[in-house]
Amino acid sequence: MKNPLTYKMESSLGAVFISLLALFFIGLLFIAIKNFNTDIDIMTVSSNTPNIRKISDSELALVQEWIKINHVEIPEGRGYNYLMRRYPGRPWLD
């Protein structure tokens, strides 16, 4: 049995509750879309970075000989990847 004095109060309070719940889920949707765009930006930036490739044994021998001839110094802890970035034209193959 419904109380006729509180019927309109209950329905308007329910409408406010459902509206707030809908706004909450819409807010979650916007946050998810913003995070998705951020993930897309991160993937775009990471795909533009150069890939570090492995040096074959024959190319490694050429690099070592080229270093001896040209007296190139490699900073400690940098390795041959430093040479690949510093000399992108790979002059040891000429």
PDB file of N, CA and C in Angstrom:
ATOM      1  N   MET A   1       0.842  -1.172   0.000  1.00  0.00           N
ATOM      2  CA  MET A   1       0.000   0.000   0.000  1.00  0.00           C
ATOM      3  C   MET A   1       0.890   1.240   0.000  1.00  0.00           C
ATOM      4  N   LYS A   2       0.601   2.169  -0.911  1.00  0.00           N
ATOM      5  CA  LYS A   2       1.419   3.374  -1.034  1.00  0.00           C
ATOM      6  C   LYS A   2       0.888   4.476  -0.128  1.00  0.00           C
ATOM      7  N   ASN A   3       1.805   5.237   0.391  1.00  0.00           N
ATOM      8  CA  ASN A   3       1.435   6.388   1.190  1.00  0.00           C
ATOM      9  C   ASN A   3       1.242   7.556   0.222  1.00  0.00           C
ATOM     10  N   PRO A   4       0.070   8.122   0.092  1.00  0.00           N
ATOM     11  CA  PRO A   4      -0.167   9.202  -0.880  1.00  0.00           C
ATOM     12  C   PRO A   4       0.587  10.485  -0.547  1.00  0.00           C
ATOM     13  N   LEU A   5       1.036  10.652   0.691  1.00  0.00           N
ATOM     14  CA  LEU A   5       1.747  11.874   1.058  1.00  0.00           C
ATOM     15  C   LEU A   5       3.212  11.848   0.611  1.00  0.00           C
ATOM     16  N   THR A   6       3.795  10.663   0.515  1.00  0.00           N
ATOM     17  CA  THR A   6       5.220  10.580   0.160  1.00  0.00           C
ATOM     18  C   THR A   6       5.442  10.066  -1.261  1.00  0.00           C
ATOM     19  N   TYR A   7       4.400   9.823  -2.025  1.00  0.00           N
ATOM     20  CA  TYR A   7       4.538   9.246  -3.364  1.00  0.00           C
ATOM     21  C   TYR A   7       5.358  10.155  -4.297  1.00  0.00           C
ATOM     22  N   LYS A   8       5.047  11.446  -4.329  1.00  0.00           N
ATOM     23  CA  LYS A   8       5.769  12.357  -5.216  1.00  0.00           C
ATOM     24  C   LYS A   8       7.201  12.564  -4.731  1.00  0.00           C
ATOM     25  N   MET A   9       7.410  12.556  -3.456  1.00  0.00           N
ATOM     26  CA  MET A   9       8.761  12.730  -2.901  1.00  0.00           C
ATOM     27  C   MET A   9       9.648  11.559  -3.296  1.00  0.00           C
ATOM     28  N   GLU A  10       9.139  10.353  -3.225  1.00  0.00           N
ATOM     29  CA  GLU A  10       9.924   9.172  -3.561  1.00  0.00           C
ATOM     30  C   GLU A  10      10.270   9.138  -5.049  1.00  0.00           C
ATOM     31  N   SER A  11       9.345   9.516  -5.895  1.00  0.00           N
ATOM     32  CA  SER A  11       9.612   9.467  -7.326  1.00  0.00           C
ATOM     33  C   SER A  11      10.603  10.555  -7.742  1.00  0.00           C
ATOM     34  N   SER A  12      10.516  11.728  -7.164  1.00  0.00           N
ATOM     35  CA  SER A  12      11.466  12.790  -7.525  1.00  0.00           C
ATOM     36  C   SER A  12      12.852  12.468  -6.966  1.00  0.00           C
ATOM     37  N   LEU A  13      12.918  11.884  -5.798  1.00  0.00           N
ATOM     38  CA  LEU A  13      14.205  11.487  -5.232  1.00  0.00           C
ATOM     39  C   LEU A  13      14.833  10.364  -6.061  1.00  0.00           C
ATOM     40  N   GLY A  14      14.008   9.443  -6.559  1.00  0.00           N
ATOM     41  CA  GLY A  14      14.501   8.386  -7.440  1.00  0.00           C
ATOM     42  C   GLY A  14      15.029   8.953  -8.751  1.00  0.00           C
ATOM     43  N   ALA A  15      14.343   9.968  -9.286  1.00  0.00           N
ATOM     44  CA  ALA A  15      14.792  10.605 -10.524  1.00  0.00           C
ATOM     45  C   ALA A  15      16.130  11.301 -10.321  1.00  0.00           C
ATOM     46  N   VAL A  16      16.311  11.953  -9.203  1.00  0.00           N
ATOM     47  CA  VAL A  16      17.591  12.603  -8.899  1.00  0.00           C
ATOM     48  C   VAL A  16      18.691  11.553  -8.755  1.00  0.00           C
ATOM     49  N   PHE A  17      18.375  10.460  -8.079  1.00  0.00           N
ATOM     50  CA  PHE A  17      19.356   9.394  -7.902  1.00  0.00           C
ATOM     51  C   PHE A  17      19.771   8.792  -9.241  1.00  0.00           C
ATOM     52  N   ILE A  18      18.813   8.512 -10.112  1.00  0.00           N
ATOM     53  CA  ILE A  18      19.120   7.939 -11.432  1.00  0.00           C
ATOM     54  C   ILE A  18      19.902   8.941 -12.277  1.00  0.00           C
ATOM     55  N   SER A  19      19.576  10.209 -12.182  1.00  0.00           N
ATOM     56  CA  SER A  19      20.326  11.238 -12.928  1.00  0.00           C
ATOM     57  C   SER A  19      21.771  11.314 -12.462  1.00  0.00           C
ATOM     58  N   LEU A  20      21.988  11.284 -11.159  1.00  0.00           N
ATOM     59  CA  LEU A  20      23.355  11.315 -10.639  1.00  0.00           C
ATOM     60  C   LEU A  20      24.134  10.067 -11.036  1.00  0.00           C
ATOM     61  N   LEU A  21      23.472   8.930 -11.030  1.00  0.00           N
ATOM     62  CA  LEU A  21      24.109   7.689 -11.451  1.00  0.00           C
ATOM     63  C   LEU A  21      24.486   7.744 -12.934  1.00  0.00           C
ATOM     64  N   ALA A  22      23.617   8.293 -13.767  1.00  0.00           N
ATOM     65  CA  ALA A  22      23.900   8.438 -15.194  1.00  0.00           C
ATOM     66  C   ALA A  22      25.077   9.394 -15.409  1.00  0.00           C
ATOM     67  N   LEU A  23      25.117  10.499 -14.685  1.00  0.00           N
ATOM     68  CA  LEU A  23      26.234  11.442 -14.794  1.00  0.00           C
ATOM     69  C   LEU A  23      27.547  10.795 -14.365  1.00  0.00           C
ATOM     70  N   PHE A  24      27.487   9.951 -13.353  1.00  0.00           N
ATOM     71  CA  PHE A  24      28.689   9.251 -12.910  1.00  0.00           C
ATOM     72  C   PHE A  24      29.236   8.360 -14.020  1.00  0.00           C
ATOM     73  N   PHE A  25      28.358   7.590 -14.664  1.00  0.00           N
ATOM     74  CA  PHE A  25      28.814   6.697 -15.729  1.00  0.00           C
ATOM     75  C   PHE A  25      29.267   7.467 -16.966  1.00  0.00           C
ATOM     76  N   ILE A  26      28.644   8.578 -17.258  1.00  0.00           N
ATOM     77  CA  ILE A  26      29.095   9.413 -18.372  1.00  0.00           C
ATOM     78  C   ILE A  26      30.482   9.980 -18.064  1.00  0.00           C
ATOM     79  N   GLY A  27      30.712  10.375 -16.823  1.00  0.00           N
ATOM     80  CA  GLY A  27      32.038  10.844 -16.416  1.00  0.00           C
ATOM     81  C   GLY A  27      33.091   9.761 -16.569  1.00  0.00           C
ATOM     82  N   LEU A  28      32.754   8.534 -16.180  1.00  0.00           N
ATOM     83  CA  LEU A  28      33.679   7.417 -16.369  1.00  0.00           C
ATOM     84  C   LEU A  28      33.990   7.197 -17.844  1.00  0.00           C
ATOM     85  N   LEU A  29      32.981   7.361 -18.690  1.00  0.00           N
ATOM     86  CA  LEU A  29      33.174   7.199 -20.127  1.00  0.00           C
ATOM     87  C   LEU A  29      34.159   8.242 -20.660  1.00  0.00           C
ATOM     88  N   PHE A  30      34.009   9.495 -20.248  1.00  0.00           N
ATOM     89  CA  PHE A  30      34.924  10.543 -20.697  1.00  0.00           C
ATOM     90  C   PHE A  30      36.348  10.304 -20.195  1.00  0.00           C
ATOM     91  N   ILE A  31      36.478   9.817 -18.977  1.00  0.00           N
ATOM     92  CA  ILE A  31      37.813   9.505 -18.447  1.00  0.00           C
ATOM     93  C   ILE A  31      38.446   8.377 -19.253  1.00  0.00           C
ATOM     94  N   ALA A  32      37.669   7.359 -19.592  1.00  0.00           N
ATOM     95  CA  ALA A  32      38.189   6.240 -20.387  1.00  0.00           C
ATOM     96  C   ALA A  32      38.623   6.712 -21.769  1.00  0.00           C
ATOM     97  N   ILE A  33      37.853   7.594 -22.395  1.00  0.00           N
ATOM     98  CA  ILE A  33      38.229   8.119 -23.714  1.00  0.00           C
ATOM     99  C   ILE A  33      39.504   8.936 -23.622  1.00  0.00           C
ATOM    100  N   LYS A  34      39.652   9.746 -22.563  1.00  0.00           N
ATOM    101  CA  LYS A  34      40.874  10.542 -22.396  1.00  0.00           C
ATOM    102  C   LYS A  34      42.079   9.622 -22.200  1.00  0.00           C
ATOM    103  N   ASN A  35      41.942   8.577 -21.408  1.00  0.00           N
ATOM    104  CA  ASN A  35      43.045   7.632 -21.218  1.00  0.00           C
ATOM    105  C   ASN A  35      43.360   6.876 -22.501  1.00  0.00           C
ATOM    106  N   PHE A  36      42.362   6.562 -23.294  1.00  0.00           N
ATOM    107  CA  PHE A  36      42.588   5.882 -24.564  1.00  0.00           C
ATOM    108  C   PHE A  36      43.404   6.762 -25.497  1.00  0.00           C
ATOM    109  N   ASN A  37      43.070   8.058 -25.553  1.00  0.00           N
ATOM    110  CA  ASN A  37      43.836   8.982 -26.398  1.00  0.00           C
ATOM    111  C   ASN A  37      45.275   9.105 -25.906  1.00  0.00           C
ATOM    112  N   THR A  38      45.480   9.085 -24.598  1.00  0.00           N
ATOM    113  CA  THR A  38      46.831   9.138 -24.049  1.00  0.00           C
ATOM    114  C   THR A  38      47.612   7.888 -24.435  1.00  0.00           C
ATOM    115  N   ASP A  39      46.972   6.725 -24.380  1.00  0.00           N
ATOM    116  CA  ASP A  39      47.638   5.486 -24.789  1.00  0.00           C
ATOM    117  C   ASP A  39      48.008   5.525 -26.262  1.00  0.00           C
ATOM    118  N   ILE A  40      47.132   6.089 -27.090  1.00  0.00           N
ATOM    119  CA  ILE A  40      47.423   6.211 -28.519  1.00  0.00           C
ATOM    120  C   ILE A  40      48.645   7.120 -28.720  1.00  0.00           C
ATOM    121  N   ASP A  41      48.728   8.224 -27.959  1.00  0.00           N
ATOM    122  CA  ASP A  41      49.875   9.126 -28.072  1.00  0.00           C
ATOM    123  C   ASP A  41      51.163   8.426 -27.670  1.00  0.00           C
ATOM    124  N   ILE A  42      51.117   7.624 -26.615  1.00  0.00           N
ATOM    125  CA  ILE A  42      52.303   6.904 -26.159  1.00  0.00           C
ATOM    126  C   ILE A  42      52.741   5.893 -27.207  1.00  0.00           C
ATOM    127  N   MET A  43      51.784   5.194 -27.809  1.00  0.00           N
ATOM    128  CA  MET A  43      52.135   4.211 -28.834  1.00  0.00           C
ATOM    129  C   MET A  43      52.710   4.899 -30.071  1.00  0.00           C
ATOM    130  N   THR A  44      52.214   6.087 -30.405  1.00  0.00           N
ATOM    131  CA  THR A  44      52.722   6.822 -31.559  1.00  0.00           C
ATOM    132  C   THR A  44      54.156   7.271 -31.305  1.00  0.00           C
ATOM    133  N   VAL A  45      54.425   7.780 -30.117  1.00  0.00           N
ATOM    134  CA  VAL A  45      55.776   8.237 -29.787  1.00  0.00           C
ATOM    135  C   VAL A  45      56.740   7.062 -29.766  1.00  0.00           C
ATOM    136  N   SER A  46      56.323   5.939 -29.184  1.00  0.00           N
ATOM    137  CA  SER A  46      57.226   4.797 -29.088  1.00  0.00           C
ATOM    138  C   SER A  46      57.465   4.145 -30.442  1.00  0.00           C
ATOM    139  N   SER A  47      56.542   4.297 -31.393  1.00  0.00           N
ATOM    140  CA  SER A  47      56.755   3.705 -32.714  1.00  0.00           C
ATOM    141  C   SER A  47      57.704   4.545 -33.562  1.00  0.00           C
ATOM    142  N   ASN A  48      57.917   5.822 -33.182  1.00  0.00           N
ATOM    143  CA  ASN A  48      58.819   6.692 -33.943  1.00  0.00           C
ATOM    144  C   ASN A  48      60.269   6.582 -33.495  1.00  0.00           C
ATOM    145  N   THR A  49      60.534   5.883 -32.403  1.00  0.00           N
ATOM    146  CA  THR A  49      61.908   5.747 -31.931  1.00  0.00           C
ATOM    147  C   THR A  49      62.634   4.722 -32.788  1.00  0.00           C
ATOM    148  N   PRO A  50      63.910   4.948 -33.033  1.00  0.00           N
ATOM    149  CA  PRO A  50      64.635   3.989 -33.875  1.00  0.00           C
ATOM    150  C   PRO A  50      64.821   2.658 -33.155  1.00  0.00           C
ATOM    151  N   ASN A  51      64.726   1.598 -33.892  1.00  0.00           N
ATOM    152  CA  ASN A  51      64.923   0.270 -33.330  1.00  0.00           C
ATOM    153  C   ASN A  51      66.413  -0.025 -33.270  1.00  0.00           C
ATOM    154  N   ILE A  52      66.836  -0.577 -32.166  1.00  0.00           N
ATOM    155  CA  ILE A  52      68.235  -0.951 -32.012  1.00  0.00           C
ATOM    156  C   ILE A  52      68.375  -2.368 -32.536  1.00  0.00           C
ATOM    157  N   ARG A  53      69.189  -2.512 -33.552  1.00  0.00           N
ATOM    158  CA  ARG A  53      69.324  -3.828 -34.145  1.00  0.00           C
ATOM    159  C   ARG A  53      70.596  -4.491 -33.653  1.00  0.00           C
ATOM    160  N   LYS A  54      70.647  -5.783 -33.786  1.00  0.00           N
ATOM    161  CA  LYS A  54      71.810  -6.536 -33.365  1.00  0.00           C
ATOM    162  C   LYS A  54      72.874  -6.479 -34.461  1.00  0.00           C
ATOM    163  N   ILE A  55      74.132  -6.331 -34.068  1.00  0.00           N
ATOM    164  CA  ILE A  55      75.233  -6.262 -35.021  1.00  0.00           C
ATOM    165  C   ILE A  55      75.713  -7.681 -35.302  1.00  0.00           C
ATOM    166  N   SER A  56      75.827  -8.010 -36.583  1.00  0.00           N
ATOM    167  CA  SER A  56      76.304  -9.343 -36.954  1.00  0.00           C
ATOM    168  C   SER A  56      77.800  -9.456 -36.667  1.00  0.00           C
ATOM    169  N   ASP A  57      78.287 -10.685 -36.653  1.00  0.00           N
ATOM    170  CA  ASP A  57      79.706 -10.916 -36.343  1.00  0.00           C
ATOM    171  C   ASP A  57      80.629 -10.299 -37.390  1.00  0.00           C
ATOM    172  N   SER A  58      80.246 -10.396 -38.660  1.00  0.00           N
ATOM    173  CA  SER A  58      81.100  -9.824 -39.708  1.00  0.00           C
ATOM    174  C   SER A  58      81.134  -8.301 -39.613  1.00  0.00           C
ATOM    175  N   GLU A  59      79.969  -7.681 -39.324  1.00  0.00           N
ATOM    176  CA  GLU A  59      79.945  -6.225 -39.168  1.00  0.00           C
ATOM    177  C   GLU A  59      80.687  -5.809 -37.909  1.00  0.00           C
ATOM    178  N   LEU A  60      80.638  -6.624 -36.871  1.00  0.00           N
ATOM    179  CA  LEU A  60      81.364  -6.325 -35.639  1.00  0.00           C
ATOM    180  C   LEU A  60      82.867  -6.297 -35.885  1.00  0.00           C
ATOM    181  N   ALA A  61      83.350  -7.225 -36.707  1.00  0.00           N
ATOM    182  CA  ALA A  61      84.775  -7.232 -37.048  1.00  0.00           C
ATOM    183  C   ALA A  61      85.141  -5.974 -37.829  1.00  0.00           C
ATOM    184  N   LEU A  62      84.278  -5.555 -38.756  1.00  0.00           N
ATOM    185  CA  LEU A  62      84.532  -4.320 -39.514  1.00  0.00           C
ATOM    186  C   LEU A  62      84.528  -3.098 -38.607  1.00  0.00           C
ATOM    187  N   VAL A  63      83.622  -3.067 -37.646  1.00  0.00           N
ATOM    188  CA  VAL A  63      83.543  -1.938 -36.712  1.00  0.00           C
ATOM    189  C   VAL A  63      84.809  -1.868 -35.867  1.00  0.00           C
ATOM    190  N   GLN A  64      85.258  -2.999 -35.360  1.00  0.00           N
ATOM    191  CA  GLN A  64      86.459  -3.003 -34.522  1.00  0.00           C
ATOM    192  C   GLN A  64      87.686  -2.546 -35.312  1.00  0.00           C
ATOM    193  N   GLU A  65      87.797  -2.970 -36.545  1.00  0.00           N
ATOM    194  CA  GLU A  65      88.918  -2.538 -37.378  1.00  0.00           C
ATOM    195  C   GLU A  65      88.825  -1.042 -37.674  1.00  0.00           C
ATOM    196  N   TRP A  66      87.626  -0.549 -37.959  1.00  0.00           N
ATOM    197  CA  TRP A  66      87.420   0.871 -38.243  1.00  0.00           C
ATOM    198  C   TRP A  66      87.742   1.714 -37.018  1.00  0.00           C
ATOM    199  N   ILE A  67      87.403   1.217 -35.822  1.00  0.00           N
ATOM    200  CA  ILE A  67      87.723   1.940 -34.580  1.00  0.00           C
ATOM    201  C   ILE A  67      89.238   2.056 -34.408  1.00  0.00           C
ATOM    202  N   LYS A  68      89.969   0.972 -34.688  1.00  0.00           N
ATOM    203  CA  LYS A  68      91.432   0.999 -34.558  1.00  0.00           C
ATOM    204  C   LYS A  68      92.059   1.964 -35.550  1.00  0.00           C
ATOM    205  N   ILE A  69      91.595   1.957 -36.790  1.00  0.00           N
ATOM    206  CA  ILE A  69      92.184   2.809 -37.822  1.00  0.00           C
ATOM    207  C   ILE A  69      91.907   4.285 -37.554  1.00  0.00           C
ATOM    208  N   ASN A  70      90.698   4.616 -37.171  1.00  0.00           N
ATOM    209  CA  ASN A  70      90.294   6.018 -36.991  1.00  0.00           C
ATOM    210  C   ASN A  70      90.428   6.521 -35.559  1.00  0.00           C
ATOM    211  N   HIS A  71      90.911   5.688 -34.650  1.00  0.00           N
ATOM    212  CA  HIS A  71      91.130   6.070 -33.236  1.00  0.00           C
ATOM    213  C   HIS A  71      89.860   6.665 -32.611  1.00  0.00           C
ATOM    214  N   VAL A  72      88.760   5.985 -32.796  1.00  0.00           N
ATOM    215  CA  VAL A  72      87.475   6.427 -32.235  1.00  0.00           C
ATOM    216  C   VAL A  72      87.375   5.909 -30.815  1.00  0.00           C
ATOM    217  N   GLU A  73      86.984   6.804 -29.907  1.00  0.00           N
ATOM    218  CA  GLU A  73      86.825   6.413 -28.504  1.00  0.00           C
ATOM    219  C   GLU A  73      85.333   6.252 -28.189  1.00  0.00           C
ATOM    220  N   ILE A  74      85.002   5.162 -27.548  1.00  0.00           N
ATOM    221  CA  ILE A  74      83.624   4.893 -27.125  1.00  0.00           C
ATOM    222  C   ILE A  74      83.544   5.165 -25.622  1.00  0.00           C
ATOM    223  N   PRO A  75      82.606   6.021 -25.187  1.00  0.00           N
ATOM    224  CA  PRO A  75      82.478   6.275 -23.747  1.00  0.00           C
ATOM    225  C   PRO A  75      82.168   4.988 -22.992  1.00  0.00           C
ATOM    226  N   GLU A  76      82.637   4.929 -21.751  1.00  0.00           N
ATOM    227  CA  GLU A  76      82.422   3.723 -20.952  1.00  0.00           C
ATOM    228  C   GLU A  76      80.935   3.493 -20.710  1.00  0.00           C
ATOM    229  N   GLY A  77      80.543   2.250 -20.849  1.00  0.00           N
ATOM    230  CA  GLY A  77      79.159   1.874 -20.598  1.00  0.00           C
ATOM    231  C   GLY A  77      78.225   2.131 -21.763  1.00  0.00           C
ATOM    232  N   ARG A  78      78.710   2.648 -22.880  1.00  0.00           N
ATOM    233  CA  ARG A  78      77.835   2.965 -24.013  1.00  0.00           C
ATOM    234  C   ARG A  78      77.784   1.833 -25.036  1.00  0.00           C
ATOM    235  N   GLY A  79      78.900   1.232 -25.371  1.00  0.00           N
ATOM    236  CA  GLY A  79      78.931   0.101 -26.293  1.00  0.00           C
ATOM    237  C   GLY A  79      78.775   0.514 -27.747  1.00  0.00           C
ATOM    238  N   TYR A  80      78.507  -0.492 -28.573  1.00  0.00           N
ATOM    239  CA  TYR A  80      78.435  -0.265 -30.013  1.00  0.00           C
ATOM    240  C   TYR A  80      77.146   0.440 -30.439  1.00  0.00           C
ATOM    241  N   ASN A  81      76.138   0.436 -29.592  1.00  0.00           N
ATOM    242  CA  ASN A  81      74.917   1.185 -29.922  1.00  0.00           C
ATOM    243  C   ASN A  81      75.214   2.684 -29.997  1.00  0.00           C
ATOM    244  N   TYR A  82      76.193   3.138 -29.240  1.00  0.00           N
ATOM    245  CA  TYR A  82      76.624   4.534 -29.313  1.00  0.00           C
ATOM    246  C   TYR A  82      77.142   4.843 -30.714  1.00  0.00           C
ATOM    247  N   LEU A  83      77.920   3.919 -31.287  1.00  0.00           N
ATOM    248  CA  LEU A  83      78.442   4.136 -32.639  1.00  0.00           C
ATOM    249  C   LEU A  83      77.326   4.164 -33.670  1.00  0.00           C
ATOM    250  N   MET A  84      76.336   3.303 -33.504  1.00  0.00           N
ATOM    251  CA  MET A  84      75.223   3.268 -34.455  1.00  0.00           C
ATOM    252  C   MET A  84      74.451   4.583 -34.447  1.00  0.00           C
ATOM    253  N   ARG A  85      74.308   5.190 -33.279  1.00  0.00           N
ATOM    254  CA  ARG A  85      73.602   6.470 -33.205  1.00  0.00           C
ATOM    255  C   ARG A  85      74.492   7.618 -33.666  1.00  0.00           C
ATOM    256  N   ARG A  86      75.770   7.557 -33.331  1.00  0.00           N
ATOM    257  CA  ARG A  86      76.687   8.644 -33.669  1.00  0.00           C
ATOM    258  C   ARG A  86      77.014   8.666 -35.160  1.00  0.00           C
ATOM    259  N   TYR A  87      77.146   7.509 -35.753  1.00  0.00           N
ATOM    260  CA  TYR A  87      77.475   7.386 -37.177  1.00  0.00           C
ATOM    261  C   TYR A  87      76.376   6.586 -37.884  1.00  0.00           C
ATOM    262  N   PRO A  88      75.234   7.233 -38.181  1.00  0.00           N
ATOM    263  CA  PRO A  88      74.134   6.482 -38.801  1.00  0.00           C
ATOM    264  C   PRO A  88      74.439   6.010 -40.217  1.00  0.00           C
ATOM    265  N   GLY A  89      75.415   6.635 -40.882  1.00  0.00           N
ATOM    266  CA  GLY A  89      75.778   6.243 -42.236  1.00  0.00           C
ATOM    267  C   GLY A  89      76.639   4.989 -42.291  1.00  0.00           C
ATOM    268  N   ARG A  90      77.092   4.512 -41.130  1.00  0.00           N
ATOM    269  CA  ARG A  90      77.945   3.330 -40.982  1.00  0.00           C
ATOM    270  C   ARG A  90      79.170   3.392 -41.911  1.00  0.00           C
ATOM    271  N   PRO A  91      80.101   4.294 -41.620  1.00  0.00           N
ATOM    272  CA  PRO A  91      81.273   4.450 -42.495  1.00  0.00           C
ATOM    273  C   PRO A  91      82.189   3.231 -42.522  1.00  0.00           C
ATOM    274  N   TRP A  92      82.083   2.309 -41.589  1.00  0.00           N
ATOM    275  CA  TRP A  92      82.934   1.121 -41.591  1.00  0.00           C
ATOM    276  C   TRP A  92      82.568   0.144 -42.705  1.00  0.00           C
ATOM    277  N   LEU A  93      81.414   0.364 -43.342  1.00  0.00           N
ATOM    278  CA  LEU A  93      81.023  -0.510 -44.458  1.00  0.00           C
ATOM    279  C   LEU A  93      81.549  -0.014 -45.799  1.00  0.00           C
ATOM    280  N   ASP A  94      82.118   1.196 -45.840  1.00  0.00           N
ATOM    281  CA  ASP A  94      82.622   1.758 -47.101  1.00  0.00           C
ATOM    282  C   ASP A  94      83.911   1.125 -47.534  1.00  0.00           C
TER     283      ASP A  94
END
